[in-house]
Amino acid sequence: MSDISTEQEPRLLRNAARNRYEIWLGESRAGVATFRESDTHVTFLHTIVEDAFEGRGLGSRLAAFALKDTVERGKRIVPVCPFIAEYLATHHDFGEQVDTPTRERS
């Protein structure tokens, strides 16, 4: 594994082809948030930050980016992923755009 500077700015992107948001540090993918998308909703399924990158707040940065992007694209948020649900419980910026997971949305 390569040395990653703590001063390196993360790169965030939506990888629509793989149904996931990604956070990168240099050439290393540090984490992903997977999703399923419909015409009206983005259902967040799972978020993970690789062990080597934990404890740097990268999961929160990834969540914030993914949720903001979802809302800017006119979609509603469905938080099946426990990490995304916890993020939403402590960051109330997206409350009006969140729908409770149901069988149809999950």
Protein backbone atom coordinates (compact mmCIF):
# COMPACT_ATOMS: atom_id res chain seq x y z
CA MET A 1 0.00 0.00 0.00
CA SER A 2 1.27 3.48 -0.81
CA ASP A 3 1.79 6.25 1.72
CA ILE A 4 -1.13 8.68 1.66
CA SER A 5 -0.54 12.20 2.91
CA THR A 6 -3.09 13.40 5.44
CA GLU A 7 -3.01 16.77 3.67
CA GLN A 8 -4.18 15.29 0.37
CA GLU A 9 -7.62 16.57 -0.69
CA PRO A 10 -10.11 13.76 -1.39
CA ARG A 11 -11.68 13.42 -4.83
CA LEU A 12 -15.40 12.60 -4.81
CA LEU A 13 -17.43 11.29 -7.73
CA ARG A 14 -20.62 9.53 -8.71
CA ASN A 15 -19.82 6.38 -10.66
CA ALA A 16 -23.20 5.82 -12.31
CA ALA A 17 -21.94 2.80 -14.26
CA ARG A 18 -21.19 0.98 -10.98
CA ASN A 19 -24.09 2.47 -8.96
CA ARG A 20 -21.86 3.97 -6.34
CA TYR A 21 -20.35 7.16 -5.06
CA GLU A 22 -16.60 7.01 -4.50
CA ILE A 23 -14.03 8.89 -2.47
CA TRP A 24 -10.41 8.77 -3.61
CA LEU A 25 -7.14 9.87 -2.06
CA GLY A 26 -4.53 10.05 -4.79
CA GLU A 27 -4.68 6.77 -6.71
CA SER A 28 -6.42 4.89 -3.88
CA ARG A 29 -10.17 4.43 -3.63
CA ALA A 30 -10.78 5.06 0.06
CA GLY A 31 -14.49 4.28 0.19
CA VAL A 32 -17.79 3.78 -1.59
CA ALA A 33 -21.50 4.30 -1.02
CA THR A 34 -23.57 1.95 -3.17
CA PHE A 35 -27.05 2.84 -4.36
CA ARG A 36 -30.01 1.82 -6.46
CA GLU A 37 -31.68 4.56 -8.50
CA SER A 38 -35.21 4.97 -9.84
CA ASP A 39 -36.85 7.86 -11.66
CA THR A 40 -37.64 9.56 -8.35
CA HIS A 41 -35.40 8.06 -5.65
CA VAL A 42 -31.86 7.06 -4.79
CA THR A 43 -31.80 4.20 -2.30
CA PHE A 44 -28.51 4.04 -0.41
CA LEU A 45 -27.62 0.41 0.27
CA HIS A 46 -24.15 0.23 1.84
CA THR A 47 -21.27 2.56 2.70
CA ILE A 48 -17.74 1.47 3.49
CA VAL A 49 -14.43 3.20 4.08
CA GLU A 50 -11.39 0.97 3.69
CA ASP A 51 -9.59 0.17 6.97
CA ALA A 52 -6.46 2.09 5.97
CA PHE A 53 -8.52 5.29 5.63
CA GLU A 54 -10.77 5.09 8.70
CA GLY A 55 -10.82 7.83 11.29
CA ARG A 56 -10.31 10.71 8.87
CA GLY A 57 -13.94 11.74 8.38
CA LEU A 58 -13.97 10.39 4.83
CA GLY A 59 -17.24 8.50 5.34
CA SER A 60 -18.98 11.70 6.36
CA ARG A 61 -17.53 13.59 3.41
CA LEU A 62 -18.68 10.81 1.09
CA ALA A 63 -22.18 10.81 2.61
CA ALA A 64 -22.50 14.60 2.37
CA PHE A 65 -21.38 14.58 -1.27
CA ALA A 66 -23.71 11.71 -2.24
CA LEU A 67 -26.73 13.21 -0.51
CA LYS A 68 -26.14 16.68 -1.94
CA ASP A 69 -25.70 15.25 -5.43
CA THR A 70 -28.90 13.21 -5.08
CA VAL A 71 -30.94 16.26 -4.09
CA GLU A 72 -29.36 18.48 -6.77
CA ARG A 73 -30.38 15.91 -9.39
CA GLY A 74 -34.00 16.18 -8.18
CA LYS A 75 -34.14 12.77 -6.50
CA ARG A 76 -35.38 11.79 -3.05
CA ILE A 77 -33.19 9.95 -0.54
CA VAL A 78 -34.02 6.49 0.82
CA PRO A 79 -31.54 5.54 3.58
CA VAL A 80 -31.39 1.72 3.82
CA CYS A 81 -27.67 1.91 4.63
CA PRO A 82 -27.15 2.30 8.42
CA PHE A 83 -24.25 4.75 7.92
CA ILE A 84 -26.31 7.04 5.68
CA ALA A 85 -29.28 6.79 8.07
CA GLU A 86 -27.05 7.76 11.01
CA TYR A 87 -25.54 10.63 9.04
CA LEU A 88 -29.05 11.93 8.26
CA ALA A 89 -30.04 11.62 11.93
CA THR A 90 -27.24 13.97 12.94
CA HIS A 91 -27.17 16.27 9.88
CA HIS A 92 -30.60 17.72 9.25
CA ASP A 93 -29.83 19.51 5.97
CA PHE A 94 -31.69 16.91 3.90
CA GLY A 95 -34.77 16.21 6.06
CA GLU A 96 -37.28 17.43 3.49
CA GLN A 97 -35.82 15.13 0.81
CA VAL A 98 -35.75 11.88 2.82
CA ASP A 99 -38.30 9.08 2.48
CA THR A 100 -38.55 6.19 4.91
CA PRO A 101 -37.48 2.88 3.39
CA THR A 102 -40.42 0.68 2.39
CA ARG A 103 -40.57 -2.65 0.59
CA GLU A 104 -41.19 -0.80 -2.70
CA ARG A 105 -38.26 1.60 -2.19
CA SER A 106 -35.74 -0.87 -0.70
